[in-house]
Amino acid sequence: MKINMAKRNGFTLAEALITLGLIGVVAALTIVTLAAVKPDKNAIKLRKAYYSLEKAVNDMINDDSLYPDYVTGDAILDLTNGTAVTKNYPQGFANSSTVGISGANGTNKFCYVLSQELNIKGVASCTGDPNDVETPITLVFTTTDGVEWRFPCNSVFLADVNYPVPFSVDVNGQSNGPNCGNYISKYQRSTGGTYIQGVNCPAGSTRDLFYGTIRFDGKIDLDGNAQAILQTQTKNTK
């Protein structure tokens, strides 16, 4: 006697429930993993701000119409033959001569020229102070991506690598918070004195305040936290 067994198609209810359960577990694990690698928006903004500044500074320092490579110096004594000769020396951003940009001369030159290189909102507020006094780092302009840039009122460059001009940035603007990290609040030119302030970040937030310095020859240095973030961002993009 032959018994014909009907061929079974599809899944039983139990099998379907088990499959759906496994899919749910995998989906939950995936969401947790993706949340853990969520990009840090402030770090991305910092990287963009740094490379924008780097490009602007490089373009400025290499533009002879703004900052000539060399300027004529004073007559000095040549010790080889005892005669007075005129020496040329590199001046870079220490050259404060007037250029064809409104307000860009003397203590205000670098600030106004930089504002022309970056895409800013409105007009820069470069209030230079020729006196060598301790001055606050003030907001001079905001770029269209919301980054706030602060420079000292007396941002006069000296042709000396030991006296860079400091700056601070808030990568997402003061009104957006959390306004934490390290920044420079005051600066005095003759001593190179900078006053670094720090604000701890609330739990779950990331720093948005950073600082750095720019030398007369165009070299930019960032604080340790900013450097670490840029290095991490670079690795993640490779």
C-alpha atoms as a PDB file:
ATOM      1  CA  MET A   1       0.000   0.000   0.000  1.00  0.00           C
ATOM      2  CA  LYS A   2       1.437   3.343  -1.021  1.00  0.00           C
ATOM      3  CA  ILE A   3       0.909   6.447   1.020  1.00  0.00           C
ATOM      4  CA  ASN A   4       1.276   9.700  -0.878  1.00  0.00           C
ATOM      5  CA  MET A   5       2.698  12.451   1.322  1.00  0.00           C
ATOM      6  CA  ALA A   6       1.730  15.954   0.278  1.00  0.00           C
ATOM      7  CA  LYS A   7       4.711  18.153  -0.506  1.00  0.00           C
ATOM      8  CA  ARG A   8       5.011  20.946   2.114  1.00  0.00           C
ATOM      9  CA  ASN A   9       5.418  24.508   0.896  1.00  0.00           C
ATOM     10  CA  GLY A  10       6.457  27.600   2.971  1.00  0.00           C
ATOM     11  CA  PHE A  11       7.199  27.871   6.679  1.00  0.00           C
ATOM     12  CA  THR A  12       5.277  26.932   9.728  1.00  0.00           C
ATOM     13  CA  LEU A  13       4.142  29.704  12.040  1.00  0.00           C
ATOM     14  CA  ALA A  14       6.843  28.817  14.548  1.00  0.00           C
ATOM     15  CA  GLU A  15       9.578  28.987  11.912  1.00  0.00           C
ATOM     16  CA  ALA A  16       8.318  32.341  10.688  1.00  0.00           C
ATOM     17  CA  LEU A  17       8.311  33.744  14.217  1.00  0.00           C
ATOM     18  CA  ILE A  18      11.854  32.497  14.840  1.00  0.00           C
ATOM     19  CA  THR A  19      13.039  34.063  11.569  1.00  0.00           C
ATOM     20  CA  LEU A  20      11.422  37.390  12.382  1.00  0.00           C
ATOM     21  CA  GLY A  21      12.984  37.288  15.821  1.00  0.00           C
ATOM     22  CA  LEU A  22      16.470  36.728  14.374  1.00  0.00           C
ATOM     23  CA  ILE A  23      15.957  39.583  11.911  1.00  0.00           C
ATOM     24  CA  GLY A  24      14.967  41.850  14.795  1.00  0.00           C
ATOM     25  CA  VAL A  25      18.083  40.954  16.782  1.00  0.00           C
ATOM     26  CA  VAL A  26      20.361  41.600  13.789  1.00  0.00           C
ATOM     27  CA  ALA A  27      18.626  44.928  13.105  1.00  0.00           C
ATOM     28  CA  ALA A  28      19.004  46.028  16.734  1.00  0.00           C
ATOM     29  CA  LEU A  29      22.713  45.157  16.737  1.00  0.00           C
ATOM     30  CA  THR A  30      23.192  47.033  13.469  1.00  0.00           C
ATOM     31  CA  ILE A  31      21.513  50.168  14.830  1.00  0.00           C
ATOM     32  CA  VAL A  32      23.694  50.098  17.949  1.00  0.00           C
ATOM     33  CA  THR A  33      26.837  49.700  15.823  1.00  0.00           C
ATOM     34  CA  LEU A  34      25.891  52.536  13.493  1.00  0.00           C
ATOM     35  CA  ALA A  35      25.116  54.802  16.444  1.00  0.00           C
ATOM     36  CA  ALA A  36      28.546  54.092  17.879  1.00  0.00           C
ATOM     37  CA  VAL A  37      30.278  55.262  14.706  1.00  0.00           C
ATOM     38  CA  LYS A  38      28.079  58.326  14.191  1.00  0.00           C
ATOM     39  CA  PRO A  39      30.335  61.102  12.856  1.00  0.00           C
ATOM     40  CA  ASP A  40      31.223  63.961  15.185  1.00  0.00           C
ATOM     41  CA  LYS A  41      29.749  67.049  13.516  1.00  0.00           C
ATOM     42  CA  ASN A  42      32.040  69.404  15.442  1.00  0.00           C
ATOM     43  CA  ALA A  43      35.098  67.416  14.368  1.00  0.00           C
ATOM     44  CA  ILE A  44      33.962  67.629  10.744  1.00  0.00           C
ATOM     45  CA  LYS A  45      33.447  71.393  11.090  1.00  0.00           C
ATOM     46  CA  LEU A  46      36.898  71.775  12.677  1.00  0.00           C
ATOM     47  CA  ARG A  47      38.542  69.933   9.816  1.00  0.00           C
ATOM     48  CA  LYS A  48      36.752  72.074   7.229  1.00  0.00           C
ATOM     49  CA  ALA A  49      37.653  75.285   9.104  1.00  0.00           C
ATOM     50  CA  TYR A  50      41.309  74.291   9.390  1.00  0.00           C
ATOM     51  CA  TYR A  51      41.730  73.459   5.718  1.00  0.00           C
ATOM     52  CA  SER A  52      39.918  76.652   4.717  1.00  0.00           C
ATOM     53  CA  LEU A  53      42.296  78.650   6.928  1.00  0.00           C
ATOM     54  CA  GLU A  54      45.328  76.751   5.650  1.00  0.00           C
ATOM     55  CA  LYS A  55      44.413  77.462   2.027  1.00  0.00           C
ATOM     56  CA  ALA A  56      43.666  81.132   2.729  1.00  0.00           C
ATOM     57  CA  VAL A  57      46.933  81.682   4.589  1.00  0.00           C
ATOM     58  CA  ASN A  58      48.906  79.894   1.880  1.00  0.00           C
ATOM     59  CA  ASP A  59      47.292  82.007  -0.852  1.00  0.00           C
ATOM     60  CA  MET A  60      47.964  85.206   1.099  1.00  0.00           C
ATOM     61  CA  ILE A  61      51.603  84.510   1.948  1.00  0.00           C
ATOM     62  CA  ASN A  62      52.322  83.642  -1.697  1.00  0.00           C
ATOM     63  CA  ASP A  63      50.623  86.732  -3.140  1.00  0.00           C
ATOM     64  CA  ASP A  64      53.372  89.314  -3.713  1.00  0.00           C
ATOM     65  CA  SER A  65      50.801  92.055  -4.195  1.00  0.00           C
ATOM     66  CA  LEU A  66      49.700  91.548  -0.590  1.00  0.00           C
ATOM     67  CA  TYR A  67      52.813  90.294   1.161  1.00  0.00           C
ATOM     68  CA  PRO A  68      56.075  90.602  -0.833  1.00  0.00           C
ATOM     69  CA  ASP A  69      58.609  87.858  -0.254  1.00  0.00           C
ATOM     70  CA  TYR A  70      61.289  90.341   0.693  1.00  0.00           C
ATOM     71  CA  VAL A  71      61.426  93.976   1.651  1.00  0.00           C
ATOM     72  CA  THR A  72      64.410  96.307   1.820  1.00  0.00           C
ATOM     73  CA  GLY A  73      65.886  96.533   5.259  1.00  0.00           C
ATOM     74  CA  ASP A  74      67.991  99.198   6.962  1.00  0.00           C
ATOM     75  CA  ALA A  75      71.645  99.768   6.219  1.00  0.00           C
ATOM     76  CA  ILE A  76      73.714  97.573   8.547  1.00  0.00           C
ATOM     77  CA  LEU A  77      77.442  97.109   9.052  1.00  0.00           C
ATOM     78  CA  ASP A  78      78.997  94.333   7.010  1.00  0.00           C
ATOM     79  CA  LEU A  79      81.653  92.869   9.308  1.00  0.00           C
ATOM     80  CA  THR A  80      83.617  91.391   6.395  1.00  0.00           C
ATOM     81  CA  ASN A  81      84.778  94.766   5.072  1.00  0.00           C
ATOM     82  CA  GLY A  82      83.480  97.338   7.553  1.00  0.00           C
ATOM     83  CA  THR A  83      81.075  99.015   5.125  1.00  0.00           C
ATOM     84  CA  ALA A  84      77.388  99.731   5.504  1.00  0.00           C
ATOM     85  CA  VAL A  85      75.207  97.618   3.230  1.00  0.00           C
ATOM     86  CA  THR A  86      71.466  97.243   2.781  1.00  0.00           C
ATOM     87  CA  LYS A  87      70.115  93.800   3.565  1.00  0.00           C
ATOM     88  CA  ASN A  88      66.822  92.307   2.447  1.00  0.00           C
ATOM     89  CA  TYR A  89      64.887  90.126   4.833  1.00  0.00           C
ATOM     90  CA  PRO A  90      61.679  88.070   4.637  1.00  0.00           C
ATOM     91  CA  GLN A  91      58.775  89.823   6.312  1.00  0.00           C
ATOM     92  CA  GLY A  92      55.636  87.863   5.424  1.00  0.00           C
ATOM     93  CA  PHE A  93      52.607  88.853   7.482  1.00  0.00           C
ATOM     94  CA  ALA A  94      54.763  91.348   9.382  1.00  0.00           C
ATOM     95  CA  ASN A  95      54.447  93.580   6.321  1.00  0.00           C
ATOM     96  CA  SER A  96      51.721  96.043   7.316  1.00  0.00           C
ATOM     97  CA  SER A  97      51.866  98.269   4.235  1.00  0.00           C
ATOM     98  CA  THR A  98      48.573  99.367   2.690  1.00  0.00           C
ATOM     99  CA  VAL A  99      47.023  97.188  -0.019  1.00  0.00           C
ATOM    100  CA  GLY A 100      43.959  97.640  -2.199  1.00  0.00           C
ATOM    101  CA  ILE A 101      41.480  96.246   0.326  1.00  0.00           C
ATOM    102  CA  SER A 102      39.355  98.602   2.389  1.00  0.00           C
ATOM    103  CA  GLY A 103      40.775  98.932   5.907  1.00  0.00           C
ATOM    104  CA  ALA A 104      43.636  96.525   5.225  1.00  0.00           C
ATOM    105  CA  ASN A 105      46.635  98.383   6.623  1.00  0.00           C
ATOM    106  CA  GLY A 106      48.690  98.457   9.786  1.00  0.00           C
ATOM    107  CA  THR A 107      47.205  96.471  12.648  1.00  0.00           C
ATOM    108  CA  ASN A 108      44.112  95.625  10.617  1.00  0.00           C
ATOM    109  CA  LYS A 109      45.784  94.316   7.478  1.00  0.00           C
ATOM    110  CA  PHE A 110      45.915  90.576   8.171  1.00  0.00           C
ATOM    111  CA  CYS A 111      42.375  90.454   9.549  1.00  0.00           C
ATOM    112  CA  TYR A 112      40.813  92.218   6.567  1.00  0.00           C
ATOM    113  CA  VAL A 113      42.833  90.326   3.965  1.00  0.00           C
ATOM    114  CA  LEU A 114      41.910  87.011   5.606  1.00  0.00           C
ATOM    115  CA  SER A 115      38.246  87.999   5.628  1.00  0.00           C
ATOM    116  CA  GLN A 116      38.473  88.472   1.857  1.00  0.00           C
ATOM    117  CA  GLU A 117      39.900  84.979   1.433  1.00  0.00           C
ATOM    118  CA  LEU A 118      37.235  83.246   3.529  1.00  0.00           C
ATOM    119  CA  ASN A 119      33.528  83.232   2.761  1.00  0.00           C
ATOM    120  CA  ILE A 120      32.182  85.371   5.600  1.00  0.00           C
ATOM    121  CA  LYS A 121      28.818  86.753   6.623  1.00  0.00           C
ATOM    122  CA  GLY A 122      28.527  90.520   6.450  1.00  0.00           C
ATOM    123  CA  VAL A 123      31.621  92.644   7.119  1.00  0.00           C
ATOM    124  CA  ALA A 124      34.637  91.822   9.281  1.00  0.00           C
ATOM    125  CA  SER A 125      35.097  93.759  12.506  1.00  0.00           C
ATOM    126  CA  CYS A 126      38.868  94.257  12.623  1.00  0.00           C
ATOM    127  CA  THR A 127      39.469  96.885  15.332  1.00  0.00           C
ATOM    128  CA  GLY A 128      43.240  97.061  15.530  1.00  0.00           C
ATOM    129  CA  ASP A 129      45.133  98.537  18.465  1.00  0.00           C
ATOM    130  CA  PRO A 130      48.700  99.661  17.597  1.00  0.00           C
ATOM    131  CA  ASN A 131      49.653  99.842  21.273  1.00  0.00           C
ATOM    132  CA  ASP A 132      51.456  96.899  22.808  1.00  0.00           C
ATOM    133  CA  VAL A 133      48.898  96.167  25.500  1.00  0.00           C
ATOM    134  CA  GLU A 134      47.157  93.100  26.794  1.00  0.00           C
ATOM    135  CA  THR A 135      44.066  92.807  24.636  1.00  0.00           C
ATOM    136  CA  PRO A 136      41.132  90.396  24.484  1.00  0.00           C
ATOM    137  CA  ILE A 137      40.552  87.940  21.676  1.00  0.00           C
ATOM    138  CA  THR A 138      37.404  89.252  20.010  1.00  0.00           C
ATOM    139  CA  LEU A 139      34.982  88.009  17.364  1.00  0.00           C
ATOM    140  CA  VAL A 140      36.084  89.480  14.034  1.00  0.00           C
ATOM    141  CA  PHE A 141      33.930  87.576  11.575  1.00  0.00           C
ATOM    142  CA  THR A 142      31.716  84.528  11.068  1.00  0.00           C
ATOM    143  CA  THR A 143      31.980  82.363   7.970  1.00  0.00           C
ATOM    144  CA  THR A 144      28.850  81.271   6.122  1.00  0.00           C
ATOM    145  CA  ASP A 145      29.105  77.767   7.610  1.00  0.00           C
ATOM    146  CA  GLY A 146      28.607  79.217  11.105  1.00  0.00           C
ATOM    147  CA  VAL A 147      32.229  79.105  12.340  1.00  0.00           C
ATOM    148  CA  GLU A 148      33.129  82.086  14.540  1.00  0.00           C
ATOM    149  CA  TRP A 149      36.710  83.387  14.251  1.00  0.00           C
ATOM    150  CA  ARG A 150      38.375  85.396  17.020  1.00  0.00           C
ATOM    151  CA  PHE A 151      41.652  87.302  16.813  1.00  0.00           C
ATOM    152  CA  PRO A 152      43.337  89.790  19.163  1.00  0.00           C
ATOM    153  CA  CYS A 153      42.641  93.488  18.608  1.00  0.00           C
ATOM    154  CA  ASN A 154      46.377  94.108  18.121  1.00  0.00           C
ATOM    155  CA  SER A 155      47.026  91.278  15.677  1.00  0.00           C
ATOM    156  CA  VAL A 156      50.308  92.773  14.483  1.00  0.00           C
ATOM    157  CA  PHE A 157      52.804  90.173  13.314  1.00  0.00           C
ATOM    158  CA  LEU A 158      56.449  90.391  14.282  1.00  0.00           C
ATOM    159  CA  ALA A 159      59.036  88.949  11.895  1.00  0.00           C
ATOM    160  CA  ASP A 160      60.057  86.487  14.592  1.00  0.00           C
ATOM    161  CA  VAL A 161      59.006  82.828  14.811  1.00  0.00           C
ATOM    162  CA  ASN A 162      58.836  83.148  18.608  1.00  0.00           C
ATOM    163  CA  TYR A 163      55.930  85.615  18.474  1.00  0.00           C
ATOM    164  CA  PRO A 164      53.000  84.080  16.569  1.00  0.00           C
ATOM    165  CA  VAL A 165      49.532  85.631  16.635  1.00  0.00           C
ATOM    166  CA  PRO A 166      46.890  83.481  18.372  1.00  0.00           C
ATOM    167  CA  PHE A 167      43.327  82.840  17.272  1.00  0.00           C
ATOM    168  CA  SER A 168      40.302  80.943  18.579  1.00  0.00           C
ATOM    169  CA  VAL A 169      37.406  79.335  16.741  1.00  0.00           C
ATOM    170  CA  ASP A 170      33.945  78.217  17.752  1.00  0.00           C
ATOM    171  CA  VAL A 171      33.109  75.703  15.042  1.00  0.00           C
ATOM    172  CA  ASN A 172      29.327  75.865  15.449  1.00  0.00           C
ATOM    173  CA  GLY A 173      28.804  79.354  16.846  1.00  0.00           C
ATOM    174  CA  GLN A 174      28.302  80.503  20.411  1.00  0.00           C
ATOM    175  CA  SER A 175      24.508  80.402  20.205  1.00  0.00           C
ATOM    176  CA  ASN A 176      24.489  76.670  19.424  1.00  0.00           C
ATOM    177  CA  GLY A 177      26.571  75.419  22.363  1.00  0.00           C
ATOM    178  CA  PRO A 178      27.915  73.513  24.130  1.00  0.00           C
ATOM    179  CA  ASN A 179      30.723  76.135  24.097  1.00  0.00           C
ATOM    180  CA  CYS A 180      33.290  73.857  25.679  1.00  0.00           C
ATOM    181  CA  GLY A 181      36.939  73.083  25.050  1.00  0.00           C
ATOM    182  CA  ASN A 182      40.001  75.332  25.111  1.00  0.00           C
ATOM    183  CA  TYR A 183      40.305  78.854  23.800  1.00  0.00           C
ATOM    184  CA  ILE A 184      42.523  81.936  24.145  1.00  0.00           C
ATOM    185  CA  SER A 185      40.960  84.888  25.917  1.00  0.00           C
ATOM    186  CA  LYS A 186      43.780  87.491  25.941  1.00  0.00           C
ATOM    187  CA  TYR A 187      47.095  88.212  24.260  1.00  0.00           C
ATOM    188  CA  GLN A 188      50.045  90.614  24.569  1.00  0.00           C
ATOM    189  CA  ARG A 189      52.290  91.077  21.549  1.00  0.00           C
ATOM    190  CA  SER A 190      55.702  91.944  23.029  1.00  0.00           C
ATOM    191  CA  THR A 191      55.728  89.044  25.474  1.00  0.00           C
ATOM    192  CA  GLY A 192      53.882  86.560  23.291  1.00  0.00           C
ATOM    193  CA  GLY A 193      51.713  86.006  26.358  1.00  0.00           C
ATOM    194  CA  THR A 194      48.519  84.056  25.756  1.00  0.00           C
ATOM    195  CA  TYR A 195      45.840  83.276  28.298  1.00  0.00           C
ATOM    196  CA  ILE A 196      44.320  79.867  27.659  1.00  0.00           C
ATOM    197  CA  GLN A 197      40.917  79.119  29.160  1.00  0.00           C
ATOM    198  CA  GLY A 198      39.218  75.758  29.380  1.00  0.00           C
ATOM    199  CA  VAL A 199      35.583  74.739  29.753  1.00  0.00           C
ATOM    200  CA  ASN A 200      34.639  71.119  30.458  1.00  0.00           C
ATOM    201  CA  CYS A 201      32.120  69.570  28.079  1.00  0.00           C
ATOM    202  CA  PRO A 202      28.826  68.210  29.462  1.00  0.00           C
ATOM    203  CA  ALA A 203      28.324  64.447  29.272  1.00  0.00           C
ATOM    204  CA  GLY A 204      27.406  63.319  25.788  1.00  0.00           C
ATOM    205  CA  SER A 205      28.647  66.458  24.044  1.00  0.00           C
ATOM    206  CA  THR A 206      31.817  67.150  22.071  1.00  0.00           C
ATOM    207  CA  ARG A 207      34.109  70.166  22.193  1.00  0.00           C
ATOM    208  CA  ASP A 208      33.465  73.018  19.816  1.00  0.00           C
ATOM    209  CA  LEU A 209      36.106  75.520  20.998  1.00  0.00           C
ATOM    210  CA  PHE A 210      39.672  75.319  19.696  1.00  0.00           C
ATOM    211  CA  TYR A 211      42.665  77.613  19.355  1.00  0.00           C
ATOM    212  CA  GLY A 212      45.881  77.951  17.437  1.00  0.00           C
ATOM    213  CA  THR A 213      48.588  80.355  16.316  1.00  0.00           C
ATOM    214  CA  ILE A 214      49.801  81.784  13.006  1.00  0.00           C
ATOM    215  CA  ARG A 215      53.421  82.856  12.459  1.00  0.00           C
ATOM    216  CA  PHE A 216      54.579  85.697  10.219  1.00  0.00           C
ATOM    217  CA  ASP A 217      55.830  83.099   7.701  1.00  0.00           C
ATOM    218  CA  GLY A 218      52.397  81.438   7.437  1.00  0.00           C
ATOM    219  CA  LYS A 219      52.985  78.417   9.661  1.00  0.00           C
ATOM    220  CA  ILE A 220      49.818  77.378  11.536  1.00  0.00           C
ATOM    221  CA  ASP A 221      49.876  75.457  14.804  1.00  0.00           C
ATOM    222  CA  LEU A 222      46.779  74.052  16.499  1.00  0.00           C
ATOM    223  CA  ASP A 223      46.194  73.030  20.093  1.00  0.00           C
ATOM    224  CA  GLY A 224      46.729  69.373  20.994  1.00  0.00           C
ATOM    225  CA  ASN A 225      43.034  68.481  21.037  1.00  0.00           C
ATOM    226  CA  ALA A 226      42.473  69.931  17.581  1.00  0.00           C
ATOM    227  CA  GLN A 227      45.523  68.098  16.208  1.00  0.00           C
ATOM    228  CA  ALA A 228      44.294  64.780  17.625  1.00  0.00           C
ATOM    229  CA  ILE A 229      40.847  65.279  16.076  1.00  0.00           C
ATOM    230  CA  LEU A 230      42.301  66.138  12.674  1.00  0.00           C
ATOM    231  CA  GLN A 231      44.538  63.058  12.755  1.00  0.00           C
ATOM    232  CA  THR A 232      41.569  60.843  13.636  1.00  0.00           C
ATOM    233  CA  GLN A 233      39.455  62.387  10.892  1.00  0.00           C
ATOM    234  CA  THR A 234      42.250  61.824   8.371  1.00  0.00           C
ATOM    235  CA  LYS A 235      42.542  58.140   9.319  1.00  0.00           C
ATOM    236  CA  ASN A 236      38.787  57.632   9.051  1.00  0.00           C
ATOM    237  CA  THR A 237      38.708  59.055   5.521  1.00  0.00           C
ATOM    238  CA  LYS A 238      41.424  56.743   4.197  1.00  0.00           C
END
